[in-house]
Amino acid sequence: IFNFVILIYSIHLLRQELETLQYFPLYKLIACCFLFYPTLGWFLHAQATPIILLLYTLCYKSLRTNNDFKAGIYLGLLAFKPQLAIALALILIFNRRWRALLGGTLSLACC
């Protein structure tokens, strides 16, 4: 139930940021999530997919609002699956978003 609530909250946050998702009802977007294997794997194998989606969503939303330090903190919380954070960290390095990298380093150090 907790993971399902996190999934709904992540979709809600994405709908706030992206205009095109606002044209679709929330229940249809939730149903679309179950068309992809990571969502099914979350149910079948107790994966952390909704938590990862929430962290990505919060990081994305923070980057869009130019709140880089907060985005880095969310990115650093992916320390339990570092292979998922490397690509985004490389993009942040390439774009010279040092505050995000500082936040990620601080969050990673706390973890």
PDB file of N, CA and C in Angstrom:
ATOM      1  N   ILE A   1       0.833  -1.185   0.000  1.00  0.00           N
ATOM      2  CA  ILE A   1       0.000   0.000   0.000  1.00  0.00           C
ATOM      3  C   ILE A   1       0.880   1.252   0.000  1.00  0.00           C
ATOM      4  N   PHE A   2       1.969   1.215   0.795  1.00  0.00           N
ATOM      5  CA  PHE A   2       2.875   2.357   0.859  1.00  0.00           C
ATOM      6  C   PHE A   2       3.472   2.659  -0.517  1.00  0.00           C
ATOM      7  N   ASN A   3       3.923   1.635  -1.207  1.00  0.00           N
ATOM      8  CA  ASN A   3       4.508   1.833  -2.534  1.00  0.00           C
ATOM      9  C   ASN A   3       3.474   2.339  -3.538  1.00  0.00           C
ATOM     10  N   PHE A   4       2.256   1.882  -3.422  1.00  0.00           N
ATOM     11  CA  PHE A   4       1.202   2.342  -4.323  1.00  0.00           C
ATOM     12  C   PHE A   4       0.907   3.828  -4.079  1.00  0.00           C
ATOM     13  N   VAL A   5       0.912   4.249  -2.833  1.00  0.00           N
ATOM     14  CA  VAL A   5       0.719   5.669  -2.510  1.00  0.00           C
ATOM     15  C   VAL A   5       1.874   6.496  -3.071  1.00  0.00           C
ATOM     16  N   ILE A   6       3.090   5.983  -2.966  1.00  0.00           N
ATOM     17  CA  ILE A   6       4.249   6.686  -3.526  1.00  0.00           C
ATOM     18  C   ILE A   6       4.123   6.800  -5.047  1.00  0.00           C
ATOM     19  N   LEU A   7       3.647   5.751  -5.699  1.00  0.00           N
ATOM     20  CA  LEU A   7       3.438   5.786  -7.142  1.00  0.00           C
ATOM     21  C   LEU A   7       2.423   6.866  -7.513  1.00  0.00           C
ATOM     22  N   ILE A   8       1.327   6.935  -6.804  1.00  0.00           N
ATOM     23  CA  ILE A   8       0.300   7.942  -7.080  1.00  0.00           C
ATOM     24  C   ILE A   8       0.853   9.348  -6.853  1.00  0.00           C
ATOM     25  N   TYR A   9       1.611   9.524  -5.781  1.00  0.00           N
ATOM     26  CA  TYR A   9       2.194  10.840  -5.494  1.00  0.00           C
ATOM     27  C   TYR A   9       3.194  11.243  -6.575  1.00  0.00           C
ATOM     28  N   SER A  10       3.984  10.311  -7.058  1.00  0.00           N
ATOM     29  CA  SER A  10       4.941  10.613  -8.127  1.00  0.00           C
ATOM     30  C   SER A  10       4.229  11.045  -9.400  1.00  0.00           C
ATOM     31  N   ILE A  11       3.172  10.351  -9.740  1.00  0.00           N
ATOM     32  CA  ILE A  11       2.408  10.713 -10.932  1.00  0.00           C
ATOM     33  C   ILE A  11       1.765  12.080 -10.746  1.00  0.00           C
ATOM     34  N   HIS A  12       1.274  12.346  -9.547  1.00  0.00           N
ATOM     35  CA  HIS A  12       0.686  13.656  -9.256  1.00  0.00           C
ATOM     36  C   HIS A  12       1.721  14.780  -9.437  1.00  0.00           C
ATOM     37  N   LEU A  13       2.939  14.561  -8.943  1.00  0.00           N
ATOM     38  CA  LEU A  13       4.002  15.565  -9.102  1.00  0.00           C
ATOM     39  C   LEU A  13       4.354  15.772 -10.572  1.00  0.00           C
ATOM     40  N   LEU A  14       4.419  14.695 -11.330  1.00  0.00           N
ATOM     41  CA  LEU A  14       4.718  14.820 -12.758  1.00  0.00           C
ATOM     42  C   LEU A  14       3.615  15.552 -13.506  1.00  0.00           C
ATOM     43  N   ARG A  15       2.367  15.318 -13.110  1.00  0.00           N
ATOM     44  CA  ARG A  15       1.254  16.020 -13.754  1.00  0.00           C
ATOM     45  C   ARG A  15       1.306  17.512 -13.482  1.00  0.00           C
ATOM     46  N   GLN A  16       1.830  17.901 -12.320  1.00  0.00           N
ATOM     47  CA  GLN A  16       1.969  19.321 -12.017  1.00  0.00           C
ATOM     48  C   GLN A  16       3.025  19.985 -12.891  1.00  0.00           C
ATOM     49  N   GLU A  17       4.061  19.246 -13.236  1.00  0.00           N
ATOM     50  CA  GLU A  17       5.174  19.813 -13.994  1.00  0.00           C
ATOM     51  C   GLU A  17       4.959  19.780 -15.502  1.00  0.00           C
ATOM     52  N   LEU A  18       4.322  18.749 -15.998  1.00  0.00           N
ATOM     53  CA  LEU A  18       4.199  18.553 -17.441  1.00  0.00           C
ATOM     54  C   LEU A  18       2.760  18.794 -17.892  1.00  0.00           C
ATOM     55  N   GLU A  19       2.576  19.776 -18.748  1.00  0.00           N
ATOM     56  CA  GLU A  19       1.235  20.131 -19.206  1.00  0.00           C
ATOM     57  C   GLU A  19       0.543  18.990 -19.948  1.00  0.00           C
ATOM     58  N   THR A  20       1.294  18.244 -20.729  1.00  0.00           N
ATOM     59  CA  THR A  20       0.669  17.206 -21.548  1.00  0.00           C
ATOM     60  C   THR A  20       0.044  16.102 -20.697  1.00  0.00           C
ATOM     61  N   LEU A  21       0.582  15.861 -19.512  1.00  0.00           N
ATOM     62  CA  LEU A  21       0.001  14.826 -18.651  1.00  0.00           C
ATOM     63  C   LEU A  21      -1.293  15.275 -17.987  1.00  0.00           C
ATOM     64  N   GLN A  22      -1.549  16.571 -17.981  1.00  0.00           N
ATOM     65  CA  GLN A  22      -2.761  17.078 -17.351  1.00  0.00           C
ATOM     66  C   GLN A  22      -4.007  16.783 -18.172  1.00  0.00           C
ATOM     67  N   TYR A  23      -3.817  16.430 -19.435  1.00  0.00           N
ATOM     68  CA  TYR A  23      -4.959  16.091 -20.287  1.00  0.00           C
ATOM     69  C   TYR A  23      -5.512  14.700 -19.987  1.00  0.00           C
ATOM     70  N   PHE A  24      -4.733  13.880 -19.291  1.00  0.00           N
ATOM     71  CA  PHE A  24      -5.150  12.518 -18.998  1.00  0.00           C
ATOM     72  C   PHE A  24      -5.593  12.408 -17.542  1.00  0.00           C
ATOM     73  N   PRO A  25      -6.647  11.662 -17.278  1.00  0.00           N
ATOM     74  CA  PRO A  25      -7.056  11.470 -15.880  1.00  0.00           C
ATOM     75  C   PRO A  25      -5.999  10.661 -15.116  1.00  0.00           C
ATOM     76  N   LEU A  26      -5.965  10.879 -13.828  1.00  0.00           N
ATOM     77  CA  LEU A  26      -4.973  10.225 -12.984  1.00  0.00           C
ATOM     78  C   LEU A  26      -5.081   8.709 -13.056  1.00  0.00           C
ATOM     79  N   TYR A  27      -6.287   8.173 -13.071  1.00  0.00           N
ATOM     80  CA  TYR A  27      -6.440   6.716 -13.084  1.00  0.00           C
ATOM     81  C   TYR A  27      -5.889   6.098 -14.365  1.00  0.00           C
ATOM     82  N   LYS A  28      -5.953   6.816 -15.490  1.00  0.00           N
ATOM     83  CA  LYS A  28      -5.388   6.287 -16.736  1.00  0.00           C
ATOM     84  C   LYS A  28      -3.864   6.271 -16.685  1.00  0.00           C
ATOM     85  N   LEU A  29      -3.282   7.277 -16.085  1.00  0.00           N
ATOM     86  CA  LEU A  29      -1.823   7.298 -15.956  1.00  0.00           C
ATOM     87  C   LEU A  29      -1.345   6.186 -15.030  1.00  0.00           C
ATOM     88  N   ILE A  30      -2.080   5.941 -13.969  1.00  0.00           N
ATOM     89  CA  ILE A  30      -1.728   4.839 -13.062  1.00  0.00           C
ATOM     90  C   ILE A  30      -1.849   3.507 -13.795  1.00  0.00           C
ATOM     91  N   ALA A  31      -2.896   3.347 -14.573  1.00  0.00           N
ATOM     92  CA  ALA A  31      -3.069   2.113 -15.343  1.00  0.00           C
ATOM     93  C   ALA A  31      -1.931   1.927 -16.343  1.00  0.00           C
ATOM     94  N   CYS A  32      -1.464   3.013 -16.946  1.00  0.00           N
ATOM     95  CA  CYS A  32      -0.344   2.925 -17.894  1.00  0.00           C
ATOM     96  C   CYS A  32       0.934   2.462 -17.209  1.00  0.00           C
ATOM     97  N   CYS A  33       1.105   2.795 -15.950  1.00  0.00           N
ATOM     98  CA  CYS A  33       2.294   2.344 -15.219  1.00  0.00           C
ATOM     99  C   CYS A  33       2.358   0.827 -15.154  1.00  0.00           C
ATOM    100  N   PHE A  34       1.209   0.186 -15.126  1.00  0.00           N
ATOM    101  CA  PHE A  34       1.181  -1.264 -15.013  1.00  0.00           C
ATOM    102  C   PHE A  34       1.381  -1.965 -16.351  1.00  0.00           C
ATOM    103  N   LEU A  35       1.623  -1.201 -17.414  1.00  0.00           N
ATOM    104  CA  LEU A  35       1.964  -1.785 -18.705  1.00  0.00           C
ATOM    105  C   LEU A  35       3.462  -2.057 -18.821  1.00  0.00           C
ATOM    106  N   PHE A  36       4.255  -1.545 -17.886  1.00  0.00           N
ATOM    107  CA  PHE A  36       5.700  -1.681 -17.935  1.00  0.00           C
ATOM    108  C   PHE A  36       6.173  -2.680 -16.901  1.00  0.00           C
ATOM    109  N   TYR A  37       7.197  -3.429 -17.267  1.00  0.00           N
ATOM    110  CA  TYR A  37       7.682  -4.485 -16.382  1.00  0.00           C
ATOM    111  C   TYR A  37       8.198  -3.988 -15.031  1.00  0.00           C
ATOM    112  N   PRO A  38       8.869  -2.836 -14.944  1.00  0.00           N
ATOM    113  CA  PRO A  38       9.334  -2.429 -13.607  1.00  0.00           C
ATOM    114  C   PRO A  38       8.210  -2.331 -12.575  1.00  0.00           C
ATOM    115  N   THR A  39       7.039  -1.911 -13.005  1.00  0.00           N
ATOM    116  CA  THR A  39       5.917  -1.855 -12.062  1.00  0.00           C
ATOM    117  C   THR A  39       5.464  -3.258 -11.688  1.00  0.00           C
ATOM    118  N   LEU A  40       5.406  -4.132 -12.657  1.00  0.00           N
ATOM    119  CA  LEU A  40       5.019  -5.512 -12.355  1.00  0.00           C
ATOM    120  C   LEU A  40       6.090  -6.208 -11.521  1.00  0.00           C
ATOM    121  N   GLY A  41       7.352  -5.923 -11.811  1.00  0.00           N
ATOM    122  CA  GLY A  41       8.446  -6.488 -11.028  1.00  0.00           C
ATOM    123  C   GLY A  41       8.418  -6.019  -9.586  1.00  0.00           C
ATOM    124  N   TRP A  42       7.943  -4.803  -9.401  1.00  0.00           N
ATOM    125  CA  TRP A  42       7.802  -4.282  -8.041  1.00  0.00           C
ATOM    126  C   TRP A  42       6.818  -5.138  -7.260  1.00  0.00           C
ATOM    127  N   PHE A  43       5.725  -5.541  -7.882  1.00  0.00           N
ATOM    128  CA  PHE A  43       4.758  -6.401  -7.203  1.00  0.00           C
ATOM    129  C   PHE A  43       5.261  -7.832  -7.048  1.00  0.00           C
ATOM    130  N   LEU A  44       5.870  -8.372  -8.108  1.00  0.00           N
ATOM    131  CA  LEU A  44       6.255  -9.777  -8.090  1.00  0.00           C
ATOM    132  C   LEU A  44       7.515 -10.058  -7.278  1.00  0.00           C
ATOM    133  N   HIS A  45       8.450  -9.117  -7.280  1.00  0.00           N
ATOM    134  CA  HIS A  45       9.747  -9.375  -6.662  1.00  0.00           C
ATOM    135  C   HIS A  45      10.115  -8.386  -5.562  1.00  0.00           C
ATOM    136  N   ALA A  46       9.162  -7.601  -5.097  1.00  0.00           N
ATOM    137  CA  ALA A  46       9.369  -6.636  -4.010  1.00  0.00           C
ATOM    138  C   ALA A  46      10.507  -5.669  -4.317  1.00  0.00           C
ATOM    139  N   GLN A  47      10.470  -5.088  -5.505  1.00  0.00           N
ATOM    140  CA  GLN A  47      11.491  -4.121  -5.916  1.00  0.00           C
ATOM    141  C   GLN A  47      11.193  -2.742  -5.317  1.00  0.00           C
ATOM    142  N   ALA A  48      12.164  -1.854  -5.372  1.00  0.00           N
ATOM    143  CA  ALA A  48      12.040  -0.498  -4.836  1.00  0.00           C
ATOM    144  C   ALA A  48      11.675   0.510  -5.930  1.00  0.00           C
ATOM    145  N   THR A  49      11.011   0.061  -6.960  1.00  0.00           N
ATOM    146  CA  THR A  49      10.706   0.900  -8.109  1.00  0.00           C
ATOM    147  C   THR A  49       9.947   2.173  -7.754  1.00  0.00           C
ATOM    148  N   PRO A  50       8.901   2.142  -6.934  1.00  0.00           N
ATOM    149  CA  PRO A  50       8.200   3.401  -6.628  1.00  0.00           C
ATOM    150  C   PRO A  50       9.071   4.402  -5.878  1.00  0.00           C
ATOM    151  N   ILE A  51       9.946   3.924  -5.038  1.00  0.00           N
ATOM    152  CA  ILE A  51      10.837   4.821  -4.305  1.00  0.00           C
ATOM    153  C   ILE A  51      11.818   5.477  -5.274  1.00  0.00           C
ATOM    154  N   ILE A  52      12.341   4.712  -6.205  1.00  0.00           N
ATOM    155  CA  ILE A  52      13.259   5.254  -7.213  1.00  0.00           C
ATOM    156  C   ILE A  52      12.531   6.267  -8.091  1.00  0.00           C
ATOM    157  N   LEU A  53      11.308   5.951  -8.483  1.00  0.00           N
ATOM    158  CA  LEU A  53      10.522   6.880  -9.292  1.00  0.00           C
ATOM    159  C   LEU A  53      10.278   8.181  -8.532  1.00  0.00           C
ATOM    160  N   LEU A  54       9.964   8.086  -7.257  1.00  0.00           N
ATOM    161  CA  LEU A  54       9.739   9.298  -6.467  1.00  0.00           C
ATOM    162  C   LEU A  54      11.001  10.146  -6.380  1.00  0.00           C
ATOM    163  N   LEU A  55      12.149   9.511  -6.154  1.00  0.00           N
ATOM    164  CA  LEU A  55      13.403  10.269  -6.071  1.00  0.00           C
ATOM    165  C   LEU A  55      13.741  10.939  -7.403  1.00  0.00           C
ATOM    166  N   TYR A  56      13.549  10.223  -8.511  1.00  0.00           N
ATOM    167  CA  TYR A  56      13.764  10.822  -9.827  1.00  0.00           C
ATOM    168  C   TYR A  56      12.800  11.985 -10.061  1.00  0.00           C
ATOM    169  N   THR A  57      11.547  11.807  -9.688  1.00  0.00           N
ATOM    170  CA  THR A  57      10.541  12.839  -9.893  1.00  0.00           C
ATOM    171  C   THR A  57      10.853  14.089  -9.077  1.00  0.00           C
ATOM    172  N   LEU A  58      11.225  13.890  -7.811  1.00  0.00           N
ATOM    173  CA  LEU A  58      11.571  15.040  -6.973  1.00  0.00           C
ATOM    174  C   LEU A  58      12.819  15.746  -7.494  1.00  0.00           C
ATOM    175  N   CYS A  59      13.777  14.983  -7.972  1.00  0.00           N
ATOM    176  CA  CYS A  59      14.991  15.569  -8.545  1.00  0.00           C
ATOM    177  C   CYS A  59      14.648  16.356  -9.809  1.00  0.00           C
ATOM    178  N   TYR A  60      13.825  15.795 -10.662  1.00  0.00           N
ATOM    179  CA  TYR A  60      13.415  16.462 -11.895  1.00  0.00           C
ATOM    180  C   TYR A  60      12.670  17.757 -11.600  1.00  0.00           C
ATOM    181  N   LYS A  61      11.743  17.697 -10.665  1.00  0.00           N
ATOM    182  CA  LYS A  61      10.959  18.877 -10.315  1.00  0.00           C
ATOM    183  C   LYS A  61      11.865  19.968  -9.731  1.00  0.00           C
ATOM    184  N   SER A  62      12.820  19.588  -8.914  1.00  0.00           N
ATOM    185  CA  SER A  62      13.739  20.561  -8.328  1.00  0.00           C
ATOM    186  C   SER A  62      14.649  21.178  -9.379  1.00  0.00           C
ATOM    187  N   LEU A  63      15.093  20.379 -10.338  1.00  0.00           N
ATOM    188  CA  LEU A  63      15.935  20.920 -11.405  1.00  0.00           C
ATOM    189  C   LEU A  63      15.151  21.890 -12.293  1.00  0.00           C
ATOM    190  N   ARG A  64      13.890  21.603 -12.532  1.00  0.00           N
ATOM    191  CA  ARG A  64      13.062  22.503 -13.354  1.00  0.00           C
ATOM    192  C   ARG A  64      12.810  23.833 -12.667  1.00  0.00           C
ATOM    193  N   THR A  65      12.781  23.843 -11.346  1.00  0.00           N
ATOM    194  CA  THR A  65      12.545  25.086 -10.613  1.00  0.00           C
ATOM    195  C   THR A  65      13.852  25.741 -10.173  1.00  0.00           C
ATOM    196  N   ASN A  66      14.967  25.289 -10.742  1.00  0.00           N
ATOM    197  CA  ASN A  66      16.314  25.817 -10.444  1.00  0.00           C
ATOM    198  C   ASN A  66      16.670  25.721  -8.968  1.00  0.00           C
ATOM    199  N   ASN A  67      16.222  24.685  -8.324  1.00  0.00           N
ATOM    200  CA  ASN A  67      16.578  24.413  -6.942  1.00  0.00           C
ATOM    201  C   ASN A  67      17.597  23.264  -6.962  1.00  0.00           C
ATOM    202  N   ASP A  68      18.797  23.572  -7.442  1.00  0.00           N
ATOM    203  CA  ASP A  68      19.806  22.550  -7.725  1.00  0.00           C
ATOM    204  C   ASP A  68      20.273  21.793  -6.491  1.00  0.00           C
ATOM    205  N   PHE A  69      20.463  22.500  -5.384  1.00  0.00           N
ATOM    206  CA  PHE A  69      20.969  21.833  -4.178  1.00  0.00           C
ATOM    207  C   PHE A  69      19.995  20.760  -3.703  1.00  0.00           C
ATOM    208  N   LYS A  70      18.713  21.097  -3.712  1.00  0.00           N
ATOM    209  CA  LYS A  70      17.685  20.131  -3.303  1.00  0.00           C
ATOM    210  C   LYS A  70      17.645  18.949  -4.270  1.00  0.00           C
ATOM    211  N   ALA A  71      17.794  19.219  -5.561  1.00  0.00           N
ATOM    212  CA  ALA A  71      17.827  18.143  -6.560  1.00  0.00           C
ATOM    213  C   ALA A  71      18.993  17.207  -6.303  1.00  0.00           C
ATOM    214  N   GLY A  72      20.132  17.773  -5.932  1.00  0.00           N
ATOM    215  CA  GLY A  72      21.297  16.952  -5.617  1.00  0.00           C
ATOM    216  C   GLY A  72      21.068  16.077  -4.391  1.00  0.00           C
ATOM    217  N   ILE A  73      20.364  16.613  -3.415  1.00  0.00           N
ATOM    218  CA  ILE A  73      20.063  15.803  -2.224  1.00  0.00           C
ATOM    219  C   ILE A  73      19.204  14.605  -2.610  1.00  0.00           C
ATOM    220  N   TYR A  74      18.199  14.840  -3.445  1.00  0.00           N
ATOM    221  CA  TYR A  74      17.356  13.718  -3.897  1.00  0.00           C
ATOM    222  C   TYR A  74      18.169  12.708  -4.707  1.00  0.00           C
ATOM    223  N   LEU A  75      19.067  13.212  -5.527  1.00  0.00           N
ATOM    224  CA  LEU A  75      19.905  12.324  -6.331  1.00  0.00           C
ATOM    225  C   LEU A  75      20.826  11.496  -5.437  1.00  0.00           C
ATOM    226  N   GLY A  76      21.362  12.108  -4.391  1.00  0.00           N
ATOM    227  CA  GLY A  76      22.243  11.390  -3.471  1.00  0.00           C
ATOM    228  C   GLY A  76      21.530  10.301  -2.692  1.00  0.00           C
ATOM    229  N   LEU A  77      20.216  10.423  -2.554  1.00  0.00           N
ATOM    230  CA  LEU A  77      19.455   9.384  -1.850  1.00  0.00           C
ATOM    231  C   LEU A  77      19.352   8.094  -2.658  1.00  0.00           C
ATOM    232  N   LEU A  78      19.765   8.150  -3.905  1.00  0.00           N
ATOM    233  CA  LEU A  78      19.806   6.938  -4.725  1.00  0.00           C
ATOM    234  C   LEU A  78      21.067   6.124  -4.451  1.00  0.00           C
ATOM    235  N   ALA A  79      21.685   6.334  -3.321  1.00  0.00           N
ATOM    236  CA  ALA A  79      22.925   5.626  -2.977  1.00  0.00           C
ATOM    237  C   ALA A  79      22.700   4.120  -2.885  1.00  0.00           C
ATOM    238  N   PHE A  80      21.476   3.701  -2.618  1.00  0.00           N
ATOM    239  CA  PHE A  80      21.221   2.266  -2.547  1.00  0.00           C
ATOM    240  C   PHE A  80      21.191   1.623  -3.926  1.00  0.00           C
ATOM    241  N   LYS A  81      21.089   2.410  -4.989  1.00  0.00           N
ATOM    242  CA  LYS A  81      21.178   1.940  -6.377  1.00  0.00           C
ATOM    243  C   LYS A  81      22.041   2.933  -7.161  1.00  0.00           C
ATOM    244  N   PRO A  82      23.348   2.952  -6.901  1.00  0.00           N
ATOM    245  CA  PRO A  82      24.192   4.001  -7.503  1.00  0.00           C
ATOM    246  C   PRO A  82      24.236   3.959  -9.028  1.00  0.00           C
ATOM    247  N   GLN A  83      24.017   2.818  -9.629  1.00  0.00           N
ATOM    248  CA  GLN A  83      24.062   2.741 -11.091  1.00  0.00           C
ATOM    249  C   GLN A  83      22.950   3.564 -11.731  1.00  0.00           C
ATOM    250  N   LEU A  84      21.892   3.854 -10.985  1.00  0.00           N
ATOM    251  CA  LEU A  84      20.804   4.669 -11.523  1.00  0.00           C
ATOM    252  C   LEU A  84      21.090   6.168 -11.410  1.00  0.00           C
ATOM    253  N   ALA A  85      22.044   6.549 -10.585  1.00  0.00           N
ATOM    254  CA  ALA A  85      22.352   7.960 -10.382  1.00  0.00           C
ATOM    255  C   ALA A  85      23.540   8.424 -11.224  1.00  0.00           C
ATOM    256  N   ILE A  86      24.321   7.504 -11.740  1.00  0.00           N
ATOM    257  CA  ILE A  86      25.547   7.883 -12.453  1.00  0.00           C
ATOM    258  C   ILE A  86      25.252   8.688 -13.715  1.00  0.00           C
ATOM    259  N   ALA A  87      24.288   8.285 -14.503  1.00  0.00           N
ATOM    260  CA  ALA A  87      23.996   8.989 -15.756  1.00  0.00           C
ATOM    261  C   ALA A  87      23.547  10.420 -15.480  1.00  0.00           C
ATOM    262  N   LEU A  88      22.676  10.596 -14.517  1.00  0.00           N
ATOM    263  CA  LEU A  88      22.209  11.941 -14.186  1.00  0.00           C
ATOM    264  C   LEU A  88      23.342  12.777 -13.597  1.00  0.00           C
ATOM    265  N   ALA A  89      24.205  12.169 -12.800  1.00  0.00           N
ATOM    266  CA  ALA A  89      25.349  12.890 -12.240  1.00  0.00           C
ATOM    267  C   ALA A  89      26.294  13.345 -13.358  1.00  0.00           C
ATOM    268  N   LEU A  90      26.504  12.517 -14.359  1.00  0.00           N
ATOM    269  CA  LEU A  90      27.355  12.909 -15.487  1.00  0.00           C
ATOM    270  C   LEU A  90      26.750  14.071 -16.264  1.00  0.00           C
ATOM    271  N   ILE A  91      25.438  14.061 -16.428  1.00  0.00           N
ATOM    272  CA  ILE A  91      24.769  15.178 -17.105  1.00  0.00           C
ATOM    273  C   ILE A  91      24.916  16.454 -16.292  1.00  0.00           C
ATOM    274  N   LEU A  92      24.810  16.351 -14.983  1.00  0.00           N
ATOM    275  CA  LEU A  92      24.979  17.531 -14.130  1.00  0.00           C
ATOM    276  C   LEU A  92      26.411  18.061 -14.197  1.00  0.00           C
ATOM    277  N   ILE A  93      27.378  17.164 -14.273  1.00  0.00           N
ATOM    278  CA  ILE A  93      28.782  17.586 -14.429  1.00  0.00           C
ATOM    279  C   ILE A  93      28.974  18.287 -15.776  1.00  0.00           C
ATOM    280  N   PHE A  94      28.424  17.701 -16.821  1.00  0.00           N
ATOM    281  CA  PHE A  94      28.552  18.272 -18.160  1.00  0.00           C
ATOM    282  C   PHE A  94      27.921  19.669 -18.229  1.00  0.00           C
ATOM    283  N   ASN A  95      26.797  19.864 -17.542  1.00  0.00           N
ATOM    284  CA  ASN A  95      26.110  21.156 -17.547  1.00  0.00           C
ATOM    285  C   ASN A  95      26.616  22.106 -16.468  1.00  0.00           C
ATOM    286  N   ARG A  96      27.601  21.676 -15.720  1.00  0.00           N
ATOM    287  CA  ARG A  96      28.233  22.492 -14.675  1.00  0.00           C
ATOM    288  C   ARG A  96      27.233  22.973 -13.630  1.00  0.00           C
ATOM    289  N   ARG A  97      26.415  22.086 -13.181  1.00  0.00           N
ATOM    290  CA  ARG A  97      25.458  22.416 -12.119  1.00  0.00           C
ATOM    291  C   ARG A  97      26.070  21.958 -10.800  1.00  0.00           C
ATOM    292  N   TRP A  98      26.998  22.762 -10.317  1.00  0.00           N
ATOM    293  CA  TRP A  98      27.817  22.388  -9.166  1.00  0.00           C
ATOM    294  C   TRP A  98      27.015  22.323  -7.874  1.00  0.00           C
ATOM    295  N   ARG A  99      26.004  23.144  -7.727  1.00  0.00           N
ATOM    296  CA  ARG A  99      25.196  23.084  -6.502  1.00  0.00           C
ATOM    297  C   ARG A  99      24.486  21.745  -6.376  1.00  0.00           C
ATOM    298  N   ALA A 100      24.004  21.232  -7.482  1.00  0.00           N
ATOM    299  CA  ALA A 100      23.344  19.921  -7.455  1.00  0.00           C
ATOM    300  C   ALA A 100      24.344  18.835  -7.071  1.00  0.00           C
ATOM    301  N   LEU A 101      25.539  18.939  -7.610  1.00  0.00           N
ATOM    302  CA  LEU A 101      26.571  17.942  -7.274  1.00  0.00           C
ATOM    303  C   LEU A 101      27.002  18.063  -5.809  1.00  0.00           C
ATOM    304  N   LEU A 102      27.034  19.289  -5.302  1.00  0.00           N
ATOM    305  CA  LEU A 102      27.355  19.485  -3.896  1.00  0.00           C
ATOM    306  C   LEU A 102      26.271  18.884  -3.001  1.00  0.00           C
ATOM    307  N   GLY A 103      25.015  19.106  -3.350  1.00  0.00           N
ATOM    308  CA  GLY A 103      23.915  18.510  -2.597  1.00  0.00           C
ATOM    309  C   GLY A 103      23.936  16.997  -2.648  1.00  0.00           C
ATOM    310  N   GLY A 104      24.250  16.457  -3.822  1.00  0.00           N
ATOM    311  CA  GLY A 104      24.350  15.003  -3.956  1.00  0.00           C
ATOM    312  C   GLY A 104      25.486  14.420  -3.141  1.00  0.00           C
ATOM    313  N   THR A 105      26.609  15.123  -3.124  1.00  0.00           N
ATOM    314  CA  THR A 105      27.756  14.664  -2.339  1.00  0.00           C
ATOM    315  C   THR A 105      27.438  14.695  -0.846  1.00  0.00           C
ATOM    316  N   LEU A 106      26.758  15.756  -0.411  1.00  0.00           N
ATOM    317  CA  LEU A 106      26.372  15.864   1.004  1.00  0.00           C
ATOM    318  C   LEU A 106      25.381  14.755   1.383  1.00  0.00           C
ATOM    319  N   SER A 107      24.396  14.536   0.533  1.00  0.00           N
ATOM    320  CA  SER A 107      23.415  13.488   0.785  1.00  0.00           C
ATOM    321  C   SER A 107      24.059  12.102   0.792  1.00  0.00           C
ATOM    322  N   LEU A 108      24.963  11.886  -0.143  1.00  0.00           N
ATOM    323  CA  LEU A 108      25.676  10.610  -0.210  1.00  0.00           C
ATOM    324  C   LEU A 108      26.527  10.393   1.015  1.00  0.00           C
ATOM    325  N   ALA A 109      27.181  11.442   1.492  1.00  0.00           N
ATOM    326  CA  ALA A 109      28.007  11.331   2.699  1.00  0.00           C
ATOM    327  C   ALA A 109      27.155  11.010   3.925  1.00  0.00           C
ATOM    328  N   CYS A 110      25.968  11.575   3.978  1.00  0.00           N
ATOM    329  CA  CYS A 110      25.069  11.273   5.111  1.00  0.00           C
ATOM    330  C   CYS A 110      24.565   9.832   5.058  1.00  0.00           C
ATOM    331  N   CYS A 111      24.359   9.339   3.854  1.00  0.00           N
ATOM    332  CA  CYS A 111      23.896   7.949   3.725  1.00  0.00           C
ATOM    333  C   CYS A 111      24.995   6.985   4.153  1.00  0.00           C
TER     334      CYS A 111
END
